[in-house]
C-alpha atoms as a PDB file:
ATOM      1  CA  MET A   1      19.359  10.528 -17.126  1.00  0.00           C
ATOM      2  CA  SER A   2      15.735  10.690 -17.794  1.00  0.00           C
ATOM      3  CA  ASP A   3      13.216   8.620 -15.851  1.00  0.00           C
ATOM      4  CA  LEU A   4      12.807   6.283 -18.857  1.00  0.00           C
ATOM      5  CA  GLU A   5      16.573   5.971 -19.205  1.00  0.00           C
ATOM      6  CA  THR A   6      16.830   5.232 -15.481  1.00  0.00           C
ATOM      7  CA  LEU A   7      14.144   2.563 -15.582  1.00  0.00           C
ATOM      8  CA  LYS A   8      15.861   0.833 -18.665  1.00  0.00           C
ATOM      9  CA  LYS A   9      19.227   1.006 -16.676  1.00  0.00           C
ATOM     10  CA  LEU A  10      17.215  -0.366 -13.480  1.00  0.00           C
ATOM     11  CA  LYS A  11      16.183  -3.459 -15.363  1.00  0.00           C
ATOM     12  CA  GLU A  12      19.506  -3.985 -17.177  1.00  0.00           C
ATOM     13  CA  THR A  13      21.317  -3.664 -13.754  1.00  0.00           C
ATOM     14  CA  CYS A  14      19.001  -5.951 -11.921  1.00  0.00           C
ATOM     15  CA  GLY A  15      19.561  -8.772 -14.682  1.00  0.00           C
ATOM     16  CA  ALA A  16      23.353  -8.265 -14.298  1.00  0.00           C
ATOM     17  CA  ILE A  17      23.230  -8.446 -10.642  1.00  0.00           C
ATOM     18  CA  LYS A  18      21.221 -11.699 -10.788  1.00  0.00           C
ATOM     19  CA  SER A  19      23.496 -13.094 -13.537  1.00  0.00           C
ATOM     20  CA  GLU A  20      26.605 -12.243 -11.241  1.00  0.00           C
ATOM     21  CA  LEU A  21      25.142 -13.618  -8.092  1.00  0.00           C
ATOM     22  CA  SER A  22      24.463 -16.990 -10.152  1.00  0.00           C
ATOM     23  CA  ARG A  23      28.078 -17.595  -9.776  1.00  0.00           C
ATOM     24  CA  ALA A  24      28.121 -17.902  -6.003  1.00  0.00           C
ATOM     25  CA  ILE A  25      24.301 -18.978  -5.299  1.00  0.00           C
ATOM     26  CA  VAL A  26      22.673 -21.878  -6.891  1.00  0.00           C
ATOM     27  CA  GLY A  27      19.097 -21.405  -7.304  1.00  0.00           C
ATOM     28  CA  GLN A  28      17.122 -19.102  -4.812  1.00  0.00           C
ATOM     29  CA  GLU A  29      15.749 -17.029  -7.828  1.00  0.00           C
ATOM     30  CA  GLN A  30      12.520 -15.808  -5.792  1.00  0.00           C
ATOM     31  CA  THR A  31      14.689 -14.961  -2.669  1.00  0.00           C
ATOM     32  CA  ILE A  32      17.251 -12.864  -4.824  1.00  0.00           C
ATOM     33  CA  ASP A  33      14.389 -11.011  -6.481  1.00  0.00           C
ATOM     34  CA  ALA A  34      12.824 -10.170  -3.101  1.00  0.00           C
ATOM     35  CA  LEU A  35      16.074  -8.936  -1.670  1.00  0.00           C
ATOM     36  CA  ILE A  36      16.627  -6.834  -4.736  1.00  0.00           C
ATOM     37  CA  SER A  37      13.070  -5.614  -4.644  1.00  0.00           C
ATOM     38  CA  CYS A  38      13.428  -4.687  -1.051  1.00  0.00           C
ATOM     39  CA  LEU A  39      16.603  -2.881  -1.530  1.00  0.00           C
ATOM     40  CA  LEU A  40      15.162  -0.905  -4.276  1.00  0.00           C
ATOM     41  CA  CYS A  41      12.240   0.243  -1.869  1.00  0.00           C
ATOM     42  CA  GLY A  42      14.652   1.399   0.663  1.00  0.00           C
ATOM     43  CA  GLY A  43      13.171  -0.994   2.998  1.00  0.00           C
ATOM     44  CA  ASN A  44      14.774  -3.698   5.372  1.00  0.00           C
ATOM     45  CA  CYS A  45      14.063  -7.456   5.048  1.00  0.00           C
ATOM     46  CA  LEU A  46      13.678 -10.445   7.525  1.00  0.00           C
ATOM     47  CA  LEU A  47      15.133 -13.753   6.180  1.00  0.00           C
ATOM     48  CA  THR A  48      13.620 -16.836   7.775  1.00  0.00           C
ATOM     49  CA  GLY A  49      15.237 -20.215   7.082  1.00  0.00           C
ATOM     50  CA  VAL A  50      17.291 -23.135   8.953  1.00  0.00           C
ATOM     51  CA  PRO A  51      21.020 -22.960   9.245  1.00  0.00           C
ATOM     52  CA  GLY A  52      23.049 -23.905   6.350  1.00  0.00           C
ATOM     53  CA  LEU A  53      21.072 -22.343   3.437  1.00  0.00           C
ATOM     54  CA  ALA A  54      23.746 -19.937   2.511  1.00  0.00           C
ATOM     55  CA  LYS A  55      21.996 -16.835   3.887  1.00  0.00           C
ATOM     56  CA  THR A  56      25.452 -15.026   4.828  1.00  0.00           C
ATOM     57  CA  LEU A  57      27.075 -15.970   1.471  1.00  0.00           C
ATOM     58  CA  LEU A  58      23.964 -14.603  -0.220  1.00  0.00           C
ATOM     59  CA  VAL A  59      24.023 -11.295   1.555  1.00  0.00           C
ATOM     60  CA  ARG A  60      27.824 -10.946   1.212  1.00  0.00           C
ATOM     61  CA  SER A  61      27.672 -11.581  -2.440  1.00  0.00           C
ATOM     62  CA  LEU A  62      24.779  -9.162  -2.928  1.00  0.00           C
ATOM     63  CA  ALA A  63      27.088  -6.445  -1.366  1.00  0.00           C
ATOM     64  CA  GLN A  64      29.875  -7.327  -3.684  1.00  0.00           C
ATOM     65  CA  THR A  65      27.680  -6.954  -6.676  1.00  0.00           C
ATOM     66  CA  LEU A  66      26.444  -3.600  -5.500  1.00  0.00           C
ATOM     67  CA  ASN A  67      29.818  -2.248  -4.557  1.00  0.00           C
ATOM     68  CA  LEU A  68      28.453  -1.581  -1.031  1.00  0.00           C
ATOM     69  CA  SER A  69      30.133  -2.058   2.334  1.00  0.00           C
ATOM     70  CA  PHE A  70      29.118  -4.921   4.055  1.00  0.00           C
ATOM     71  CA  SER A  71      28.983  -5.788   7.967  1.00  0.00           C
ATOM     72  CA  ARG A  72      27.782  -9.035   9.662  1.00  0.00           C
ATOM     73  CA  ILE A  73      26.442  -8.953  13.284  1.00  0.00           C
ATOM     74  CA  GLN A  74      26.136 -12.374  15.056  1.00  0.00           C
ATOM     75  CA  PHE A  75      23.353 -11.640  17.683  1.00  0.00           C
ATOM     76  CA  THR A  76      23.822 -13.373  20.993  1.00  0.00           C
ATOM     77  CA  PRO A  77      22.348 -13.263  24.426  1.00  0.00           C
ATOM     78  CA  ASP A  78      25.224 -11.237  25.860  1.00  0.00           C
ATOM     79  CA  LEU A  79      25.270  -8.632  23.074  1.00  0.00           C
ATOM     80  CA  MET A  80      24.659  -4.977  24.078  1.00  0.00           C
ATOM     81  CA  PRO A  81      23.461  -2.129  22.040  1.00  0.00           C
ATOM     82  CA  SER A  82      26.956  -0.285  21.985  1.00  0.00           C
ATOM     83  CA  ASP A  83      28.325  -3.483  20.420  1.00  0.00           C
ATOM     84  CA  ILE A  84      26.319  -2.946  17.431  1.00  0.00           C
ATOM     85  CA  ILE A  85      26.101   0.994  17.407  1.00  0.00           C
ATOM     86  CA  GLY A  86      29.312   1.940  18.695  1.00  0.00           C
ATOM     87  CA  THR A  87      30.706   3.747  21.871  1.00  0.00           C
ATOM     88  CA  GLU A  88      32.585   6.652  22.869  1.00  0.00           C
ATOM     89  CA  ILE A  89      35.861   6.292  23.893  1.00  0.00           C
ATOM     90  CA  LEU A  90      38.659   8.695  25.716  1.00  0.00           C
ATOM     91  CA  GLN A  91      41.408   9.694  23.631  1.00  0.00           C
ATOM     92  CA  GLU A  92      44.369  11.812  24.596  1.00  0.00           C
ATOM     93  CA  ASP A  93      46.138  14.397  22.084  1.00  0.00           C
ATOM     94  CA  LYS A  94      49.730  13.427  22.215  1.00  0.00           C
ATOM     95  CA  THR A  95      50.768  17.072  21.852  1.00  0.00           C
ATOM     96  CA  THR A  96      48.578  18.797  24.268  1.00  0.00           C
ATOM     97  CA  ARG A  97      47.754  16.171  26.573  1.00  0.00           C
ATOM     98  CA  SER A  98      44.065  17.036  26.431  1.00  0.00           C
ATOM     99  CA  ARG A  99      41.569  14.335  26.557  1.00  0.00           C
ATOM    100  CA  SER A 100      38.275  14.090  24.677  1.00  0.00           C
ATOM    101  CA  LEU A 101      35.420  11.617  23.873  1.00  0.00           C
ATOM    102  CA  LYS A 102      35.391  10.203  20.510  1.00  0.00           C
ATOM    103  CA  PHE A 103      32.657   8.159  19.013  1.00  0.00           C
ATOM    104  CA  GLN A 104      34.000   4.664  17.718  1.00  0.00           C
ATOM    105  CA  GLN A 105      31.621   3.282  15.033  1.00  0.00           C
ATOM    106  CA  GLY A 106      30.173  -0.091  15.482  1.00  0.00           C
ATOM    107  CA  PRO A 107      29.353  -2.611  12.854  1.00  0.00           C
ATOM    108  CA  LEU A 108      25.897  -0.900  12.095  1.00  0.00           C
ATOM    109  CA  PHE A 109      27.743   1.746  10.042  1.00  0.00           C
ATOM    110  CA  ALA A 110      27.692  -0.140   6.916  1.00  0.00           C
ATOM    111  CA  ASN A 111      25.499   0.005   3.763  1.00  0.00           C
ATOM    112  CA  LEU A 112      24.403  -3.686   4.166  1.00  0.00           C
ATOM    113  CA  VAL A 113      24.060  -5.013   7.566  1.00  0.00           C
ATOM    114  CA  LEU A 114      23.435  -8.687   8.035  1.00  0.00           C
ATOM    115  CA  ALA A 115      21.754  -9.135  11.594  1.00  0.00           C
ATOM    116  CA  ASP A 116      22.228 -12.945  11.946  1.00  0.00           C
ATOM    117  CA  GLU A 117      19.850 -14.659  14.181  1.00  0.00           C
ATOM    118  CA  ILE A 118      18.307 -11.552  15.471  1.00  0.00           C
ATOM    119  CA  ASN A 119      16.011 -13.282  17.779  1.00  0.00           C
ATOM    120  CA  ARG A 120      19.021 -14.596  19.868  1.00  0.00           C
ATOM    121  CA  THR A 121      19.536 -11.219  21.579  1.00  0.00           C
ATOM    122  CA  PRO A 122      17.709  -9.666  24.273  1.00  0.00           C
ATOM    123  CA  PRO A 123      15.204  -6.802  23.561  1.00  0.00           C
ATOM    124  CA  LYS A 124      17.411  -4.113  24.662  1.00  0.00           C
ATOM    125  CA  THR A 125      19.629  -4.730  21.628  1.00  0.00           C
ATOM    126  CA  GLN A 126      16.856  -5.549  19.262  1.00  0.00           C
ATOM    127  CA  ALA A 127      15.255  -2.088  19.938  1.00  0.00           C
ATOM    128  CA  ALA A 128      18.712  -0.619  19.194  1.00  0.00           C
ATOM    129  CA  LEU A 129      18.054  -1.319  15.523  1.00  0.00           C
ATOM    130  CA  LEU A 130      14.719   0.274  15.483  1.00  0.00           C
ATOM    131  CA  GLU A 131      15.971   3.950  15.110  1.00  0.00           C
ATOM    132  CA  ALA A 132      18.735   2.740  12.500  1.00  0.00           C
ATOM    133  CA  MET A 133      15.993   0.951  10.416  1.00  0.00           C
ATOM    134  CA  GLN A 134      13.308   3.450  10.456  1.00  0.00           C
ATOM    135  CA  GLU A 135      15.316   6.895  10.651  1.00  0.00           C
ATOM    136  CA  GLY A 136      18.685   5.887   8.961  1.00  0.00           C
ATOM    137  CA  GLN A 137      20.617   7.218  12.240  1.00  0.00           C
ATOM    138  CA  ALA A 138      21.965   6.404  15.380  1.00  0.00           C
ATOM    139  CA  THR A 139      21.984   8.253  18.606  1.00  0.00           C
ATOM    140  CA  VAL A 140      24.927   7.825  21.211  1.00  0.00           C
ATOM    141  CA  GLY A 141      25.569  10.105  24.300  1.00  0.00           C
ATOM    142  CA  GLY A 142      22.835  12.496  23.067  1.00  0.00           C
ATOM    143  CA  GLN A 143      24.622  12.916  19.497  1.00  0.00           C
ATOM    144  CA  THR A 144      22.983  11.771  16.356  1.00  0.00           C
ATOM    145  CA  TYR A 145      25.005  10.241  13.783  1.00  0.00           C
ATOM    146  CA  ALA A 146      23.891   9.524  10.179  1.00  0.00           C
ATOM    147  CA  LEU A 147      24.115   5.883   8.870  1.00  0.00           C
ATOM    148  CA  PRO A 148      25.653   5.676   5.141  1.00  0.00           C
ATOM    149  CA  LYS A 149      23.121   5.603   2.298  1.00  0.00           C
ATOM    150  CA  PRO A 150      21.963   3.485   1.016  1.00  0.00           C
ATOM    151  CA  PHE A 151      21.340   1.683   4.143  1.00  0.00           C
ATOM    152  CA  PHE A 152      19.771  -1.965   4.141  1.00  0.00           C
ATOM    153  CA  VAL A 153      19.283  -4.240   7.226  1.00  0.00           C
ATOM    154  CA  LEU A 154      18.900  -7.927   6.427  1.00  0.00           C
ATOM    155  CA  ALA A 155      17.932 -10.039   9.656  1.00  0.00           C
ATOM    156  CA  THR A 156      17.837 -13.845   9.683  1.00  0.00           C
ATOM    157  CA  GLN A 157      16.066 -15.859  12.069  1.00  0.00           C
ATOM    158  CA  ASN A 158      15.833 -19.834  12.515  1.00  0.00           C
ATOM    159  CA  PRO A 159      12.160 -20.967  12.665  1.00  0.00           C
ATOM    160  CA  ILE A 160      12.825 -24.412  14.366  1.00  0.00           C
ATOM    161  CA  GLU A 161      15.034 -24.063  17.312  1.00  0.00           C
ATOM    162  CA  GLN A 162      13.230 -21.467  19.729  1.00  0.00           C
ATOM    163  CA  GLY A 163      15.009 -22.382  22.784  1.00  0.00           C
ATOM    164  CA  GLY A 164      16.750 -19.355  24.468  1.00  0.00           C
ATOM    165  CA  THR A 165      15.443 -16.789  21.857  1.00  0.00           C
ATOM    166  CA  TYR A 166      13.643 -13.609  22.263  1.00  0.00           C
ATOM    167  CA  PRO A 167      10.759 -13.366  19.507  1.00  0.00           C
ATOM    168  CA  LEU A 168      10.568 -10.158  17.835  1.00  0.00           C
ATOM    169  CA  PRO A 169       7.454  -8.129  19.066  1.00  0.00           C
ATOM    170  CA  GLU A 170       4.968  -6.861  16.587  1.00  0.00           C
ATOM    171  CA  ALA A 171       6.044  -3.411  16.676  1.00  0.00           C
ATOM    172  CA  GLN A 172       9.538  -4.371  15.418  1.00  0.00           C
ATOM    173  CA  LEU A 173       8.356  -6.838  13.035  1.00  0.00           C
ATOM    174  CA  ASP A 174       6.303  -4.218  11.375  1.00  0.00           C
ATOM    175  CA  ARG A 175       9.481  -2.351  10.849  1.00  0.00           C
ATOM    176  CA  PHE A 176      10.647  -4.991   8.223  1.00  0.00           C
ATOM    177  CA  MET A 177       9.290  -4.326   5.009  1.00  0.00           C
ATOM    178  CA  PHE A 178       9.580  -8.084   3.757  1.00  0.00           C
ATOM    179  CA  ASN A 179       9.636 -11.361   5.445  1.00  0.00           C
ATOM    180  CA  VAL A 180      11.162 -13.808   3.047  1.00  0.00           C
ATOM    181  CA  PRO A 181      11.165 -17.617   3.728  1.00  0.00           C
ATOM    182  CA  LEU A 182      14.297 -19.432   2.669  1.00  0.00           C
ATOM    183  CA  THR A 183      13.760 -23.131   1.926  1.00  0.00           C
ATOM    184  CA  TYR A 184      15.714 -26.257   1.004  1.00  0.00           C
ATOM    185  CA  PRO A 185      16.971 -26.258  -2.596  1.00  0.00           C
ATOM    186  CA  ASN A 186      15.364 -28.715  -5.106  1.00  0.00           C
ATOM    187  CA  GLU A 187      17.350 -31.975  -5.709  1.00  0.00           C
ATOM    188  CA  LYS A 188      18.860 -30.422  -9.023  1.00  0.00           C
ATOM    189  CA  ASP A 189      20.253 -27.345  -7.302  1.00  0.00           C
ATOM    190  CA  GLU A 190      21.411 -29.170  -4.188  1.00  0.00           C
ATOM    191  CA  LEU A 191      23.453 -31.437  -6.421  1.00  0.00           C
ATOM    192  CA  GLU A 192      24.916 -28.380  -8.261  1.00  0.00           C
ATOM    193  CA  VAL A 193      25.823 -26.962  -4.604  1.00  0.00           C
ATOM    194  CA  ILE A 194      27.695 -30.181  -3.893  1.00  0.00           C
ATOM    195  CA  LEU A 195      29.357 -30.339  -7.181  1.00  0.00           C
ATOM    196  CA  ARG A 196      30.703 -26.643  -6.688  1.00  0.00           C
ATOM    197  CA  CYS A 197      32.032 -27.035  -3.352  1.00  0.00           C
ATOM    198  CA  GLN A 198      35.659 -27.416  -4.340  1.00  0.00           C
ATOM    199  CA  PRO A 199      38.819 -26.578  -2.244  1.00  0.00           C
ATOM    200  CA  GLY A 200      40.370 -23.114  -2.815  1.00  0.00           C
ATOM    201  CA  GLU A 201      38.975 -19.579  -2.644  1.00  0.00           C
ATOM    202  CA  SER A 202      36.577 -18.680  -5.459  1.00  0.00           C
ATOM    203  CA  ALA A 203      36.906 -15.489  -7.513  1.00  0.00           C
ATOM    204  CA  PRO A 204      35.129 -12.369  -5.948  1.00  0.00           C
ATOM    205  CA  LEU A 205      32.055 -11.222  -7.684  1.00  0.00           C
ATOM    206  CA  LYS A 206      32.223  -8.116  -9.928  1.00  0.00           C
ATOM    207  CA  ALA A 207      30.464  -4.999  -9.004  1.00  0.00           C
ATOM    208  CA  GLN A 208      27.347  -4.311 -11.301  1.00  0.00           C
ATOM    209  CA  ALA A 209      26.259  -1.183  -9.642  1.00  0.00           C
ATOM    210  CA  SER A 210      27.189   1.515  -6.928  1.00  0.00           C
ATOM    211  CA  GLY A 211      25.635   3.225  -3.911  1.00  0.00           C
ATOM    212  CA  GLU A 212      24.871   6.279  -5.963  1.00  0.00           C
ATOM    213  CA  LEU A 213      23.195   4.251  -8.643  1.00  0.00           C
ATOM    214  CA  ILE A 214      21.115   2.407  -6.228  1.00  0.00           C
ATOM    215  CA  ARG A 215      19.917   5.742  -4.599  1.00  0.00           C
ATOM    216  CA  GLN A 216      18.951   6.840  -8.175  1.00  0.00           C
ATOM    217  CA  PHE A 217      16.979   3.636  -8.465  1.00  0.00           C
ATOM    218  CA  GLN A 218      15.205   4.009  -5.244  1.00  0.00           C
ATOM    219  CA  LYS A 219      14.151   7.566  -6.155  1.00  0.00           C
ATOM    220  CA  LEU A 220      12.751   6.396  -9.332  1.00  0.00           C
ATOM    221  CA  VAL A 221      10.802   3.490  -7.778  1.00  0.00           C
ATOM    222  CA  ARG A 222       9.041   6.052  -5.111  1.00  0.00           C
ATOM    223  CA  SER A 223       8.230   8.376  -7.835  1.00  0.00           C
ATOM    224  CA  MET A 224       6.447   5.801 -10.091  1.00  0.00           C
ATOM    225  CA  PRO A 225       2.674   6.683 -10.680  1.00  0.00           C
ATOM    226  CA  VAL A 226       0.019   4.228  -9.184  1.00  0.00           C
ATOM    227  CA  ASP A 227      -3.562   4.272 -10.582  1.00  0.00           C
ATOM    228  CA  GLU A 228      -6.450   4.399  -8.039  1.00  0.00           C
ATOM    229  CA  GLN A 229      -7.602   0.891  -9.045  1.00  0.00           C
ATOM    230  CA  THR A 230      -4.176  -0.669  -8.184  1.00  0.00           C
ATOM    231  CA  ALA A 231      -4.206   1.445  -4.924  1.00  0.00           C
ATOM    232  CA  ARG A 232      -7.690   0.295  -4.041  1.00  0.00           C
ATOM    233  CA  ARG A 233      -6.815  -3.441  -4.553  1.00  0.00           C
ATOM    234  CA  ALA A 234      -3.707  -2.954  -2.248  1.00  0.00           C
ATOM    235  CA  LEU A 235      -6.075  -1.228   0.226  1.00  0.00           C
ATOM    236  CA  ASN A 236      -8.747  -3.913   0.103  1.00  0.00           C
ATOM    237  CA  ILE A 237      -6.135  -6.752   0.622  1.00  0.00           C
ATOM    238  CA  ILE A 238      -5.082  -4.908   3.874  1.00  0.00           C
ATOM    239  CA  ARG A 239      -8.543  -4.205   5.029  1.00  0.00           C
ATOM    240  CA  GLN A 240      -9.579  -7.955   4.465  1.00  0.00           C
ATOM    241  CA  SER A 241      -6.983  -9.122   6.758  1.00  0.00           C
ATOM    242  CA  ARG A 242      -8.765  -7.370   9.869  1.00  0.00           C
ATOM    243  CA  PRO A 243     -11.228  -9.667  11.480  1.00  0.00           C
ATOM    244  CA  GLU A 244     -13.783  -6.712  12.193  1.00  0.00           C
ATOM    245  CA  GLU A 245     -13.772  -5.595   8.600  1.00  0.00           C
ATOM    246  CA  THR A 246     -13.206  -8.768   6.412  1.00  0.00           C
ATOM    247  CA  SER A 247     -15.607 -11.055   4.320  1.00  0.00           C
ATOM    248  CA  CYS A 248     -12.929 -13.724   4.279  1.00  0.00           C
ATOM    249  CA  ASP A 249     -13.915 -16.829   6.434  1.00  0.00           C
ATOM    250  CA  ALA A 250     -10.399 -17.723   6.965  1.00  0.00           C
ATOM    251  CA  VAL A 251      -9.695 -14.248   8.655  1.00  0.00           C
ATOM    252  CA  ARG A 252     -12.655 -14.410  10.724  1.00  0.00           C
ATOM    253  CA  GLN A 253     -11.672 -17.813  11.959  1.00  0.00           C
ATOM    254  CA  TYR A 254      -7.949 -17.698  12.405  1.00  0.00           C
ATOM    255  CA  VAL A 255      -6.814 -13.993  12.714  1.00  0.00           C
ATOM    256  CA  ARG A 256      -6.504 -12.119  15.903  1.00  0.00           C
ATOM    257  CA  TRP A 257      -5.067  -8.940  14.429  1.00  0.00           C
ATOM    258  CA  GLY A 258      -4.581  -7.778  10.737  1.00  0.00           C
ATOM    259  CA  ALA A 259      -2.033  -5.640   8.977  1.00  0.00           C
ATOM    260  CA  GLY A 260      -1.887  -1.956   9.798  1.00  0.00           C
ATOM    261  CA  PRO A 261      -1.693   1.173   7.439  1.00  0.00           C
ATOM    262  CA  ARG A 262       2.217   0.570   7.084  1.00  0.00           C
ATOM    263  CA  ALA A 263       1.384  -2.666   5.176  1.00  0.00           C
ATOM    264  CA  GLY A 264      -0.519  -0.807   2.555  1.00  0.00           C
ATOM    265  CA  GLN A 265       2.308   1.823   1.933  1.00  0.00           C
ATOM    266  CA  TYR A 266       4.763  -1.033   1.690  1.00  0.00           C
ATOM    267  CA  LEU A 267       2.332  -3.220  -0.604  1.00  0.00           C
ATOM    268  CA  VAL A 268       2.091  -0.332  -3.153  1.00  0.00           C
ATOM    269  CA  LEU A 269       5.834   0.546  -2.923  1.00  0.00           C
ATOM    270  CA  ALA A 270       6.899  -3.169  -3.546  1.00  0.00           C
ATOM    271  CA  ALA A 271       4.368  -3.366  -6.418  1.00  0.00           C
ATOM    272  CA  ARG A 272       6.260  -0.436  -7.911  1.00  0.00           C
ATOM    273  CA  ALA A 273       9.552  -2.131  -7.580  1.00  0.00           C
ATOM    274  CA  ALA A 274       8.180  -5.322  -9.209  1.00  0.00           C
ATOM    275  CA  ALA A 275       7.116  -3.233 -12.052  1.00  0.00           C
ATOM    276  CA  ALA A 276      10.385  -1.288 -12.268  1.00  0.00           C
ATOM    277  CA  MET A 277      12.325  -4.578 -12.420  1.00  0.00           C
ATOM    278  CA  ASP A 278      10.318  -5.659 -15.243  1.00  0.00           C
ATOM    279  CA  GLY A 279      10.914  -2.541 -17.238  1.00  0.00           C
ATOM    280  CA  ARG A 280       7.351  -1.143 -16.735  1.00  0.00           C
ATOM    281  CA  VAL A 281       6.319   2.329 -15.875  1.00  0.00           C
ATOM    282  CA  ASN A 282       2.957   1.498 -13.760  1.00  0.00           C
ATOM    283  CA  PRO A 283       2.576  -1.392 -11.378  1.00  0.00           C
ATOM    284  CA  LEU A 284      -0.317  -3.821 -12.084  1.00  0.00           C
ATOM    285  CA  LEU A 285      -2.815  -5.806  -9.985  1.00  0.00           C
ATOM    286  CA  GLU A 286      -0.591  -8.950 -10.572  1.00  0.00           C
ATOM    287  CA  ASP A 287       2.335  -7.027  -8.999  1.00  0.00           C
ATOM    288  CA  VAL A 288       0.251  -6.384  -5.876  1.00  0.00           C
ATOM    289  CA  LYS A 289      -0.738 -10.035  -5.703  1.00  0.00           C
ATOM    290  CA  LYS A 290       2.925 -11.085  -6.153  1.00  0.00           C
ATOM    291  CA  VAL A 291       4.240  -9.028  -3.424  1.00  0.00           C
ATOM    292  CA  ALA A 292       1.328  -9.438  -0.723  1.00  0.00           C
ATOM    293  CA  PRO A 293       2.684 -12.520   0.948  1.00  0.00           C
ATOM    294  CA  LEU A 294       6.114 -10.935   1.385  1.00  0.00           C
ATOM    295  CA  VAL A 295       4.613  -7.974   2.977  1.00  0.00           C
ATOM    296  CA  MET A 296       1.675  -9.420   5.066  1.00  0.00           C
ATOM    297  CA  ARG A 297       3.017 -12.860   6.434  1.00  0.00           C
ATOM    298  CA  HIS A 298       4.696 -11.358   9.513  1.00  0.00           C
ATOM    299  CA  ARG A 299       1.952  -8.737   9.962  1.00  0.00           C
ATOM    300  CA  ILE A 300      -0.942 -11.174  10.515  1.00  0.00           C
ATOM    301  CA  VAL A 301      -1.301 -12.411  14.080  1.00  0.00           C
ATOM    302  CA  LEU A 302      -2.977 -15.518  14.357  1.00  0.00           C
ATOM    303  CA  ASN A 303      -5.101 -16.886  17.168  1.00  0.00           C
ATOM    304  CA  PHE A 304      -5.127 -20.228  19.085  1.00  0.00           C
ATOM    305  CA  HIS A 305      -7.556 -21.732  16.552  1.00  0.00           C
ATOM    306  CA  ALA A 306      -5.025 -21.432  13.838  1.00  0.00           C
ATOM    307  CA  GLU A 307      -2.207 -23.026  16.173  1.00  0.00           C
ATOM    308  CA  ALA A 308      -4.545 -25.872  16.865  1.00  0.00           C
ATOM    309  CA  GLU A 309      -5.358 -26.411  13.380  1.00  0.00           C
ATOM    310  CA  ASN A 310      -1.791 -26.068  12.077  1.00  0.00           C
ATOM    311  CA  VAL A 311      -2.779 -22.955   9.849  1.00  0.00           C
ATOM    312  CA  ASN A 312      -0.004 -20.460   9.053  1.00  0.00           C
ATOM    313  CA  ALA A 313       0.014 -16.903   7.897  1.00  0.00           C
ATOM    314  CA  ASP A 314       0.791 -17.849   4.203  1.00  0.00           C
ATOM    315  CA  GLU A 315      -2.524 -19.895   3.885  1.00  0.00           C
ATOM    316  CA  VAL A 316      -4.396 -17.001   5.190  1.00  0.00           C
ATOM    317  CA  VAL A 317      -3.001 -14.489   2.874  1.00  0.00           C
ATOM    318  CA  LYS A 318      -3.670 -16.718  -0.066  1.00  0.00           C
ATOM    319  CA  GLN A 319      -7.205 -16.849   1.025  1.00  0.00           C
ATOM    320  CA  ILE A 320      -7.532 -13.165   1.357  1.00  0.00           C
ATOM    321  CA  ILE A 321      -6.130 -12.482  -2.283  1.00  0.00           C
ATOM    322  CA  ASP A 322      -8.272 -15.155  -3.612  1.00  0.00           C
ATOM    323  CA  ASN A 323     -11.278 -13.804  -1.925  1.00  0.00           C
ATOM    324  CA  GLY A 324     -10.736 -10.332  -3.230  1.00  0.00           C
END
């Protein structure tokens, strides 16, 4: 297919995926858009929300509509890196009686991996995800194993219960392209959720894409042209988040550390995906503004004054965008 044909197919496929997901998920349109956009960019996503908001159902349903292999890892304080990556086991050949080590793949070897409550496991196990998320590979016993492609990690964390948790360090947070907050549904959607809750198994969702098609879409998104004005706008947003360079009062008052260069790369890439999902060839300034909170809210480190005055990162990002 030509690039224009692929772009048209991308828009149609995204619409079909969202339509199919609506059979299992009520509302949450912005969350679904963010997850699809992150997948098209080849990034990884952090989903923040309280228990019971259908995070697991959402990710499993997304995997079904994309016809991708799905794996769920429940992170606990006693989880070890080998529990998620896999381990070498000793096997004996029944014919020759010779023994050899064979790598047994862990749940990380799937196209779409749900890392549930990632902040409940120790840093050693959290760090085991770093190579997989950044390089698309895992190393065991000096041997490197490639992960399936496409590969998408969606990690969840509970923002209200922090007892016995291990907060993700900034270096690992920076590996997540998006931080997507999942909120309570509105009254109409919540009533629909209750009415849909009927005994019996629901019909599986139909696949609307494939791994190969997703890889084509990812290649297209990364090759989309970006004009200098849009790139400079993204750069300005990133630099305005740094206290030593900003003209924004909120940043000078509440921010200890701003976003780094990776945030700028992700901001432009996410703007490309937003344009592609809308069927447009070039991202616009509005696309940059739209995705800025998703990219930046977990990359801004607030100071004591922000905590004391109950100011969150989203409020600071909004002022940065308005100020620019």
